[in-house]
Every structure is written in C-alpha cells, then in structure tokens.
Amino acid sequence: MPPSYTLEEIRFATDPQTFEKAVGLYESGKVTKFKEGIRSYSAVVIGSKPYNVSGEARRFDYGNCDCYLGQNDE
C-alpha cells in the first residue's frame, strides 16, 4: 500500500532542521533494511549508531524510532 500522504505533509509535520537531517540521511544511503508491511513501513537508519524507525502508511503524523528524537517523544 503506497503512503496516503505526501512529502510536503511530512515537511509540514516536523521542524525544518529535523526534516533536512532526515532527507540528508536518506540521500546519503543511510536508510537501510526498508520493509513494507500491511499498513506500515520500517527501516534501519545508520546515524551515529543504527536505529529502528517505523511509520504508518495512512498517517504521516504517527511513527516511532529508537533514536534520540523518539526517546524524547518528538
């Protein structure tokens, strides 16, 4: 199932610094082990250490990660 939201909606849902950092990680090939679930996505991101991320296919405002942002509920 393709996402039901756009990149612009994701950009709107977060602060510019976080969005640009995420785009940079993606463009530099640091998003690995991408998996599509029934209504969700998951991946491992190689930051200062590897961390897991997940998000729903229908809600751009709902996701989880075990990075520092996720640990701070951002």
PDB file of N, CA and C in Angstrom:
ATOM      1  N   MET A   1       0.846  -1.177   0.000  1.00  0.00           N
ATOM      2  CA  MET A   1       0.000   0.000   0.000  1.00  0.00           C
ATOM      3  C   MET A   1       0.890   1.237   0.000  1.00  0.00           C
ATOM      4  N   PRO A   2       0.782   2.084  -0.997  1.00  0.00           N
ATOM      5  CA  PRO A   2       1.565   3.315  -1.005  1.00  0.00           C
ATOM      6  C   PRO A   2       1.071   4.268   0.087  1.00  0.00           C
ATOM      7  N   PRO A   3       1.938   5.135   0.564  1.00  0.00           N
ATOM      8  CA  PRO A   3       1.503   6.090   1.583  1.00  0.00           C
ATOM      9  C   PRO A   3       0.343   6.938   1.083  1.00  0.00           C
ATOM     10  N   SER A   4      -0.532   7.332   1.990  1.00  0.00           N
ATOM     11  CA  SER A   4      -1.662   8.193   1.614  1.00  0.00           C
ATOM     12  C   SER A   4      -1.365   9.640   1.973  1.00  0.00           C
ATOM     13  N   TYR A   5      -0.084   9.987   2.024  1.00  0.00           N
ATOM     14  CA  TYR A   5       0.329  11.359   2.336  1.00  0.00           C
ATOM     15  C   TYR A   5       1.511  11.715   1.435  1.00  0.00           C
ATOM     16  N   THR A   6       1.819  12.995   1.412  1.00  0.00           N
ATOM     17  CA  THR A   6       2.886  13.481   0.544  1.00  0.00           C
ATOM     18  C   THR A   6       4.100  13.903   1.359  1.00  0.00           C
ATOM     19  N   LEU A   7       5.195  14.103   0.665  1.00  0.00           N
ATOM     20  CA  LEU A   7       6.405  14.596   1.298  1.00  0.00           C
ATOM     21  C   LEU A   7       6.173  15.975   1.909  1.00  0.00           C
ATOM     22  N   GLU A   8       5.346  16.783   1.270  1.00  0.00           N
ATOM     23  CA  GLU A   8       5.043  18.120   1.801  1.00  0.00           C
ATOM     24  C   GLU A   8       4.299  18.029   3.138  1.00  0.00           C
ATOM     25  N   GLU A   9       3.435  17.044   3.298  1.00  0.00           N
ATOM     26  CA  GLU A   9       2.736  16.872   4.578  1.00  0.00           C
ATOM     27  C   GLU A   9       3.723  16.482   5.677  1.00  0.00           C
ATOM     28  N   ILE A  10       4.691  15.645   5.331  1.00  0.00           N
ATOM     29  CA  ILE A  10       5.717  15.283   6.315  1.00  0.00           C
ATOM     30  C   ILE A  10       6.541  16.508   6.669  1.00  0.00           C
ATOM     31  N   ARG A  11       6.906  17.289   5.672  1.00  0.00           N
ATOM     32  CA  ARG A  11       7.681  18.511   5.922  1.00  0.00           C
ATOM     33  C   ARG A  11       6.919  19.449   6.867  1.00  0.00           C
ATOM     34  N   PHE A  12       5.622  19.568   6.654  1.00  0.00           N
ATOM     35  CA  PHE A  12       4.778  20.429   7.483  1.00  0.00           C
ATOM     36  C   PHE A  12       4.669  19.905   8.920  1.00  0.00           C
ATOM     37  N   ALA A  13       4.756  18.596   9.097  1.00  0.00           N
ATOM     38  CA  ALA A  13       4.537  17.980  10.405  1.00  0.00           C
ATOM     39  C   ALA A  13       5.760  18.027  11.317  1.00  0.00           C
ATOM     40  N   THR A  14       6.900  18.446  10.806  1.00  0.00           N
ATOM     41  CA  THR A  14       8.110  18.468  11.628  1.00  0.00           C
ATOM     42  C   THR A  14       8.845  19.793  11.438  1.00  0.00           C
ATOM     43  N   ASP A  15       9.849  20.010  12.242  1.00  0.00           N
ATOM     44  CA  ASP A  15      10.611  21.250  12.114  1.00  0.00           C
ATOM     45  C   ASP A  15      11.608  21.128  10.954  1.00  0.00           C
ATOM     46  N   PRO A  16      11.997  22.260  10.366  1.00  0.00           N
ATOM     47  CA  PRO A  16      12.880  22.224   9.194  1.00  0.00           C
ATOM     48  C   PRO A  16      14.207  21.499   9.431  1.00  0.00           C
ATOM     49  N   GLN A  17      14.802  21.669  10.589  1.00  0.00           N
ATOM     50  CA  GLN A  17      16.092  21.032  10.876  1.00  0.00           C
ATOM     51  C   GLN A  17      15.964  19.505  10.861  1.00  0.00           C
ATOM     52  N   THR A  18      14.938  18.975  11.499  1.00  0.00           N
ATOM     53  CA  THR A  18      14.732  17.528  11.536  1.00  0.00           C
ATOM     54  C   THR A  18      14.433  16.994  10.144  1.00  0.00           C
ATOM     55  N   PHE A  19      13.596  17.702   9.396  1.00  0.00           N
ATOM     56  CA  PHE A  19      13.260  17.269   8.042  1.00  0.00           C
ATOM     57  C   PHE A  19      14.500  17.213   7.164  1.00  0.00           C
ATOM     58  N   GLU A  20      15.308  18.263   7.182  1.00  0.00           N
ATOM     59  CA  GLU A  20      16.507  18.304   6.347  1.00  0.00           C
ATOM     60  C   GLU A  20      17.505  17.224   6.759  1.00  0.00           C
ATOM     61  N   LYS A  21      17.619  16.961   8.043  1.00  0.00           N
ATOM     62  CA  LYS A  21      18.505  15.891   8.502  1.00  0.00           C
ATOM     63  C   LYS A  21      18.021  14.545   7.972  1.00  0.00           C
ATOM     64  N   ALA A  22      16.715  14.312   8.025  1.00  0.00           N
ATOM     65  CA  ALA A  22      16.145  13.056   7.521  1.00  0.00           C
ATOM     66  C   ALA A  22      16.386  12.907   6.024  1.00  0.00           C
ATOM     67  N   VAL A  23      16.189  13.965   5.264  1.00  0.00           N
ATOM     68  CA  VAL A  23      16.427  13.922   3.816  1.00  0.00           C
ATOM     69  C   VAL A  23      17.906  13.625   3.548  1.00  0.00           C
ATOM     70  N   GLY A  24      18.782  14.256   4.294  1.00  0.00           N
ATOM     71  CA  GLY A  24      20.220  14.019   4.126  1.00  0.00           C
ATOM     72  C   GLY A  24      20.602  12.575   4.407  1.00  0.00           C
ATOM     73  N   LEU A  25      20.033  11.993   5.450  1.00  0.00           N
ATOM     74  CA  LEU A  25      20.304  10.589   5.759  1.00  0.00           C
ATOM     75  C   LEU A  25      19.824   9.694   4.625  1.00  0.00           C
ATOM     76  N   TYR A  26      18.640   9.982   4.106  1.00  0.00           N
ATOM     77  CA  TYR A  26      18.103   9.188   3.002  1.00  0.00           C
ATOM     78  C   TYR A  26      18.974   9.326   1.752  1.00  0.00           C
ATOM     79  N   GLU A  27      19.291  10.556   1.387  1.00  0.00           N
ATOM     80  CA  GLU A  27      20.054  10.787   0.163  1.00  0.00           C
ATOM     81  C   GLU A  27      21.470  10.235   0.227  1.00  0.00           C
ATOM     82  N   SER A  28      22.019  10.085   1.425  1.00  0.00           N
ATOM     83  CA  SER A  28      23.376   9.541   1.549  1.00  0.00           C
ATOM     84  C   SER A  28      23.376   8.024   1.736  1.00  0.00           C
ATOM     85  N   GLY A  29      22.226   7.394   1.560  1.00  0.00           N
ATOM     86  CA  GLY A  29      22.151   5.936   1.614  1.00  0.00           C
ATOM     87  C   GLY A  29      22.149   5.345   3.004  1.00  0.00           C
ATOM     88  N   LYS A  30      21.813   6.147   4.001  1.00  0.00           N
ATOM     89  CA  LYS A  30      21.847   5.668   5.381  1.00  0.00           C
ATOM     90  C   LYS A  30      20.546   5.007   5.836  1.00  0.00           C
ATOM     91  N   VAL A  31      19.532   5.006   4.984  1.00  0.00           N
ATOM     92  CA  VAL A  31      18.275   4.304   5.285  1.00  0.00           C
ATOM     93  C   VAL A  31      18.403   2.907   4.679  1.00  0.00           C
ATOM     94  N   THR A  32      18.448   1.904   5.538  1.00  0.00           N
ATOM     95  CA  THR A  32      18.679   0.533   5.098  1.00  0.00           C
ATOM     96  C   THR A  32      17.568  -0.387   5.588  1.00  0.00           C
ATOM     97  N   LYS A  33      17.559  -1.588   5.084  1.00  0.00           N
ATOM     98  CA  LYS A  33      16.626  -2.635   5.516  1.00  0.00           C
ATOM     99  C   LYS A  33      15.170  -2.167   5.490  1.00  0.00           C
ATOM    100  N   PHE A  34      14.828  -1.412   4.458  1.00  0.00           N
ATOM    101  CA  PHE A  34      13.461  -0.916   4.315  1.00  0.00           C
ATOM    102  C   PHE A  34      12.507  -2.080   4.090  1.00  0.00           C
ATOM    103  N   LYS A  35      11.400  -2.093   4.830  1.00  0.00           N
ATOM    104  CA  LYS A  35      10.388  -3.140   4.682  1.00  0.00           C
ATOM    105  C   LYS A  35       9.008  -2.504   4.629  1.00  0.00           C
ATOM    106  N   GLU A  36       8.183  -3.020   3.733  1.00  0.00           N
ATOM    107  CA  GLU A  36       6.795  -2.581   3.657  1.00  0.00           C
ATOM    108  C   GLU A  36       5.938  -3.645   4.312  1.00  0.00           C
ATOM    109  N   GLY A  37       5.154  -3.244   5.319  1.00  0.00           N
ATOM    110  CA  GLY A  37       4.222  -4.141   5.978  1.00  0.00           C
ATOM    111  C   GLY A  37       2.836  -3.966   5.390  1.00  0.00           C
ATOM    112  N   ILE A  38       1.839  -4.507   6.062  1.00  0.00           N
ATOM    113  CA  ILE A  38       0.467  -4.409   5.571  1.00  0.00           C
ATOM    114  C   ILE A  38      -0.001  -2.961   5.539  1.00  0.00           C
ATOM    115  N   ARG A  39       0.172  -2.240   6.609  1.00  0.00           N
ATOM    116  CA  ARG A  39      -0.204  -0.814   6.665  1.00  0.00           C
ATOM    117  C   ARG A  39       0.905   0.025   7.285  1.00  0.00           C
ATOM    118  N   SER A  40       2.138  -0.413   7.118  1.00  0.00           N
ATOM    119  CA  SER A  40       3.234   0.285   7.770  1.00  0.00           C
ATOM    120  C   SER A  40       4.537   0.095   7.003  1.00  0.00           C
ATOM    121  N   TYR A  41       5.532   0.846   7.419  1.00  0.00           N
ATOM    122  CA  TYR A  41       6.875   0.759   6.868  1.00  0.00           C
ATOM    123  C   TYR A  41       7.857   0.723   8.021  1.00  0.00           C
ATOM    124  N   SER A  42       8.994   0.091   7.791  1.00  0.00           N
ATOM    125  CA  SER A  42      10.057   0.109   8.790  1.00  0.00           C
ATOM    126  C   SER A  42      11.402   0.127   8.077  1.00  0.00           C
ATOM    127  N   ALA A  43      12.413   0.587   8.796  1.00  0.00           N
ATOM    128  CA  ALA A  43      13.760   0.647   8.236  1.00  0.00           C
ATOM    129  C   ALA A  43      14.750   0.763   9.383  1.00  0.00           C
ATOM    130  N   VAL A  44      15.999   0.553   9.061  1.00  0.00           N
ATOM    131  CA  VAL A  44      17.099   0.825   9.984  1.00  0.00           C
ATOM    132  C   VAL A  44      17.858   2.002   9.399  1.00  0.00           C
ATOM    133  N   VAL A  45      18.107   3.005  10.221  1.00  0.00           N
ATOM    134  CA  VAL A  45      18.833   4.195   9.785  1.00  0.00           C
ATOM    135  C   VAL A  45      20.200   4.181  10.457  1.00  0.00           C
ATOM    136  N   ILE A  46      21.223   4.404   9.664  1.00  0.00           N
ATOM    137  CA  ILE A  46      22.583   4.433  10.185  1.00  0.00           C
ATOM    138  C   ILE A  46      22.926   5.883  10.510  1.00  0.00           C
ATOM    139  N   GLY A  47      22.777   6.242  11.776  1.00  0.00           N
ATOM    140  CA  GLY A  47      23.148   7.572  12.253  1.00  0.00           C
ATOM    141  C   GLY A  47      24.453   7.457  13.005  1.00  0.00           C
ATOM    142  N   SER A  48      24.553   8.129  14.138  1.00  0.00           N
ATOM    143  CA  SER A  48      25.751   7.956  14.957  1.00  0.00           C
ATOM    144  C   SER A  48      25.836   6.513  15.446  1.00  0.00           C
ATOM    145  N   LYS A  49      24.688   5.847  15.506  1.00  0.00           N
ATOM    146  CA  LYS A  49      24.594   4.396  15.695  1.00  0.00           C
ATOM    147  C   LYS A  49      23.312   3.960  14.983  1.00  0.00           C
ATOM    148  N   PRO A  50      23.196   2.702  14.588  1.00  0.00           N
ATOM    149  CA  PRO A  50      21.977   2.262  13.896  1.00  0.00           C
ATOM    150  C   PRO A  50      20.747   2.361  14.796  1.00  0.00           C
ATOM    151  N   TYR A  51      19.639   2.784  14.229  1.00  0.00           N
ATOM    152  CA  TYR A  51      18.390   2.809  14.978  1.00  0.00           C
ATOM    153  C   TYR A  51      17.226   2.420  14.084  1.00  0.00           C
ATOM    154  N   ASN A  52      16.188   1.904  14.708  1.00  0.00           N
ATOM    155  CA  ASN A  52      14.993   1.432  14.014  1.00  0.00           C
ATOM    156  C   ASN A  52      13.959   2.534  13.921  1.00  0.00           C
ATOM    157  N   VAL A  53      13.302   2.613  12.772  1.00  0.00           N
ATOM    158  CA  VAL A  53      12.208   3.560  12.572  1.00  0.00           C
ATOM    159  C   VAL A  53      11.019   2.822  11.973  1.00  0.00           C
ATOM    160  N   SER A  54       9.823   3.310  12.265  1.00  0.00           N
ATOM    161  CA  SER A  54       8.616   2.744  11.661  1.00  0.00           C
ATOM    162  C   SER A  54       7.573   3.844  11.535  1.00  0.00           C
ATOM    163  N   GLY A  55       6.672   3.648  10.605  1.00  0.00           N
ATOM    164  CA  GLY A  55       5.608   4.617  10.388  1.00  0.00           C
ATOM    165  C   GLY A  55       4.411   3.950   9.739  1.00  0.00           C
ATOM    166  N   GLU A  56       3.273   4.576   9.891  1.00  0.00           N
ATOM    167  CA  GLU A  56       2.044   4.049   9.307  1.00  0.00           C
ATOM    168  C   GLU A  56       1.878   4.548   7.876  1.00  0.00           C
ATOM    169  N   ALA A  57       1.248   3.731   7.048  1.00  0.00           N
ATOM    170  CA  ALA A  57       1.022   4.103   5.652  1.00  0.00           C
ATOM    171  C   ALA A  57      -0.079   5.136   5.514  1.00  0.00           C
ATOM    172  N   ARG A  58      -0.971   5.216   6.477  1.00  0.00           N
ATOM    173  CA  ARG A  58      -2.112   6.133   6.366  1.00  0.00           C
ATOM    174  C   ARG A  58      -1.962   7.421   7.169  1.00  0.00           C
ATOM    175  N   ARG A  59      -1.019   7.466   8.090  1.00  0.00           N
ATOM    176  CA  ARG A  59      -0.887   8.656   8.953  1.00  0.00           C
ATOM    177  C   ARG A  59       0.544   9.158   8.944  1.00  0.00           C
ATOM    178  N   PHE A  60       0.762  10.327   8.368  1.00  0.00           N
ATOM    179  CA  PHE A  60       2.104  10.895   8.337  1.00  0.00           C
ATOM    180  C   PHE A  60       2.538  11.399   9.710  1.00  0.00           C
ATOM    181  N   ASP A  61       1.598  11.568  10.616  1.00  0.00           N
ATOM    182  CA  ASP A  61       1.912  12.122  11.931  1.00  0.00           C
ATOM    183  C   ASP A  61       2.113  11.041  12.990  1.00  0.00           C
ATOM    184  N   TYR A  62       2.233   9.792  12.577  1.00  0.00           N
ATOM    185  CA  TYR A  62       2.422   8.717  13.546  1.00  0.00           C
ATOM    186  C   TYR A  62       3.593   7.850  13.129  1.00  0.00           C
ATOM    187  N   GLY A  63       4.597   7.800  13.962  1.00  0.00           N
ATOM    188  CA  GLY A  63       5.770   6.969  13.710  1.00  0.00           C
ATOM    189  C   GLY A  63       6.531   6.759  14.995  1.00  0.00           C
ATOM    190  N   ASN A  64       7.469   5.863  14.956  1.00  0.00           N
ATOM    191  CA  ASN A  64       8.299   5.549  16.119  1.00  0.00           C
ATOM    192  C   ASN A  64       9.737   5.355  15.677  1.00  0.00           C
ATOM    193  N   CYS A  65      10.639   5.665  16.577  1.00  0.00           N
ATOM    194  CA  CYS A  65      12.041   5.324  16.355  1.00  0.00           C
ATOM    195  C   CYS A  65      12.720   5.209  17.714  1.00  0.00           C
ATOM    196  N   ASP A  66      13.845   4.513  17.717  1.00  0.00           N
ATOM    197  CA  ASP A  66      14.586   4.427  18.966  1.00  0.00           C
ATOM    198  C   ASP A  66      15.828   5.317  18.933  1.00  0.00           C
ATOM    199  N   CYS A  67      15.750   6.391  18.130  1.00  0.00           N
ATOM    200  CA  CYS A  67      16.808   7.397  18.108  1.00  0.00           C
ATOM    201  C   CYS A  67      16.563   8.411  19.227  1.00  0.00           C
ATOM    202  N   TYR A  68      17.402   9.414  19.331  1.00  0.00           N
ATOM    203  CA  TYR A  68      17.242  10.404  20.401  1.00  0.00           C
ATOM    204  C   TYR A  68      15.913  11.168  20.291  1.00  0.00           C
ATOM    205  N   LEU A  69      15.427  11.401  19.069  1.00  0.00           N
ATOM    206  CA  LEU A  69      14.142  12.097  18.916  1.00  0.00           C
ATOM    207  C   LEU A  69      12.999  11.230  19.446  1.00  0.00           C
ATOM    208  N   GLY A  70      12.996   9.971  19.098  1.00  0.00           N
ATOM    209  CA  GLY A  70      11.974   9.058  19.589  1.00  0.00           C
ATOM    210  C   GLY A  70      12.016   8.898  21.094  1.00  0.00           C
ATOM    211  N   GLN A  71      13.202   8.880  21.649  1.00  0.00           N
ATOM    212  CA  GLN A  71      13.337   8.764  23.100  1.00  0.00           C
ATOM    213  C   GLN A  71      12.800  10.001  23.817  1.00  0.00           C
ATOM    214  N   ASN A  72      12.753  11.134  23.096  1.00  0.00           N
ATOM    215  CA  ASN A  72      12.232  12.380  23.663  1.00  0.00           C
ATOM    216  C   ASN A  72      10.806  12.670  23.191  1.00  0.00           C
ATOM    217  N   ASP A  73      10.134  11.673  22.607  1.00  0.00           N
ATOM    218  CA  ASP A  73       8.763  11.798  22.109  1.00  0.00           C
ATOM    219  C   ASP A  73       8.583  12.941  21.109  1.00  0.00           C
ATOM    220  N   GLU A  74       9.567  13.129  20.242  1.00  0.00           N
ATOM    221  CA  GLU A  74       9.445  14.164  19.203  1.00  0.00           C
ATOM    222  C   GLU A  74       9.075  13.537  17.890  1.00  0.00           C
TER     223      GLU A  74
END
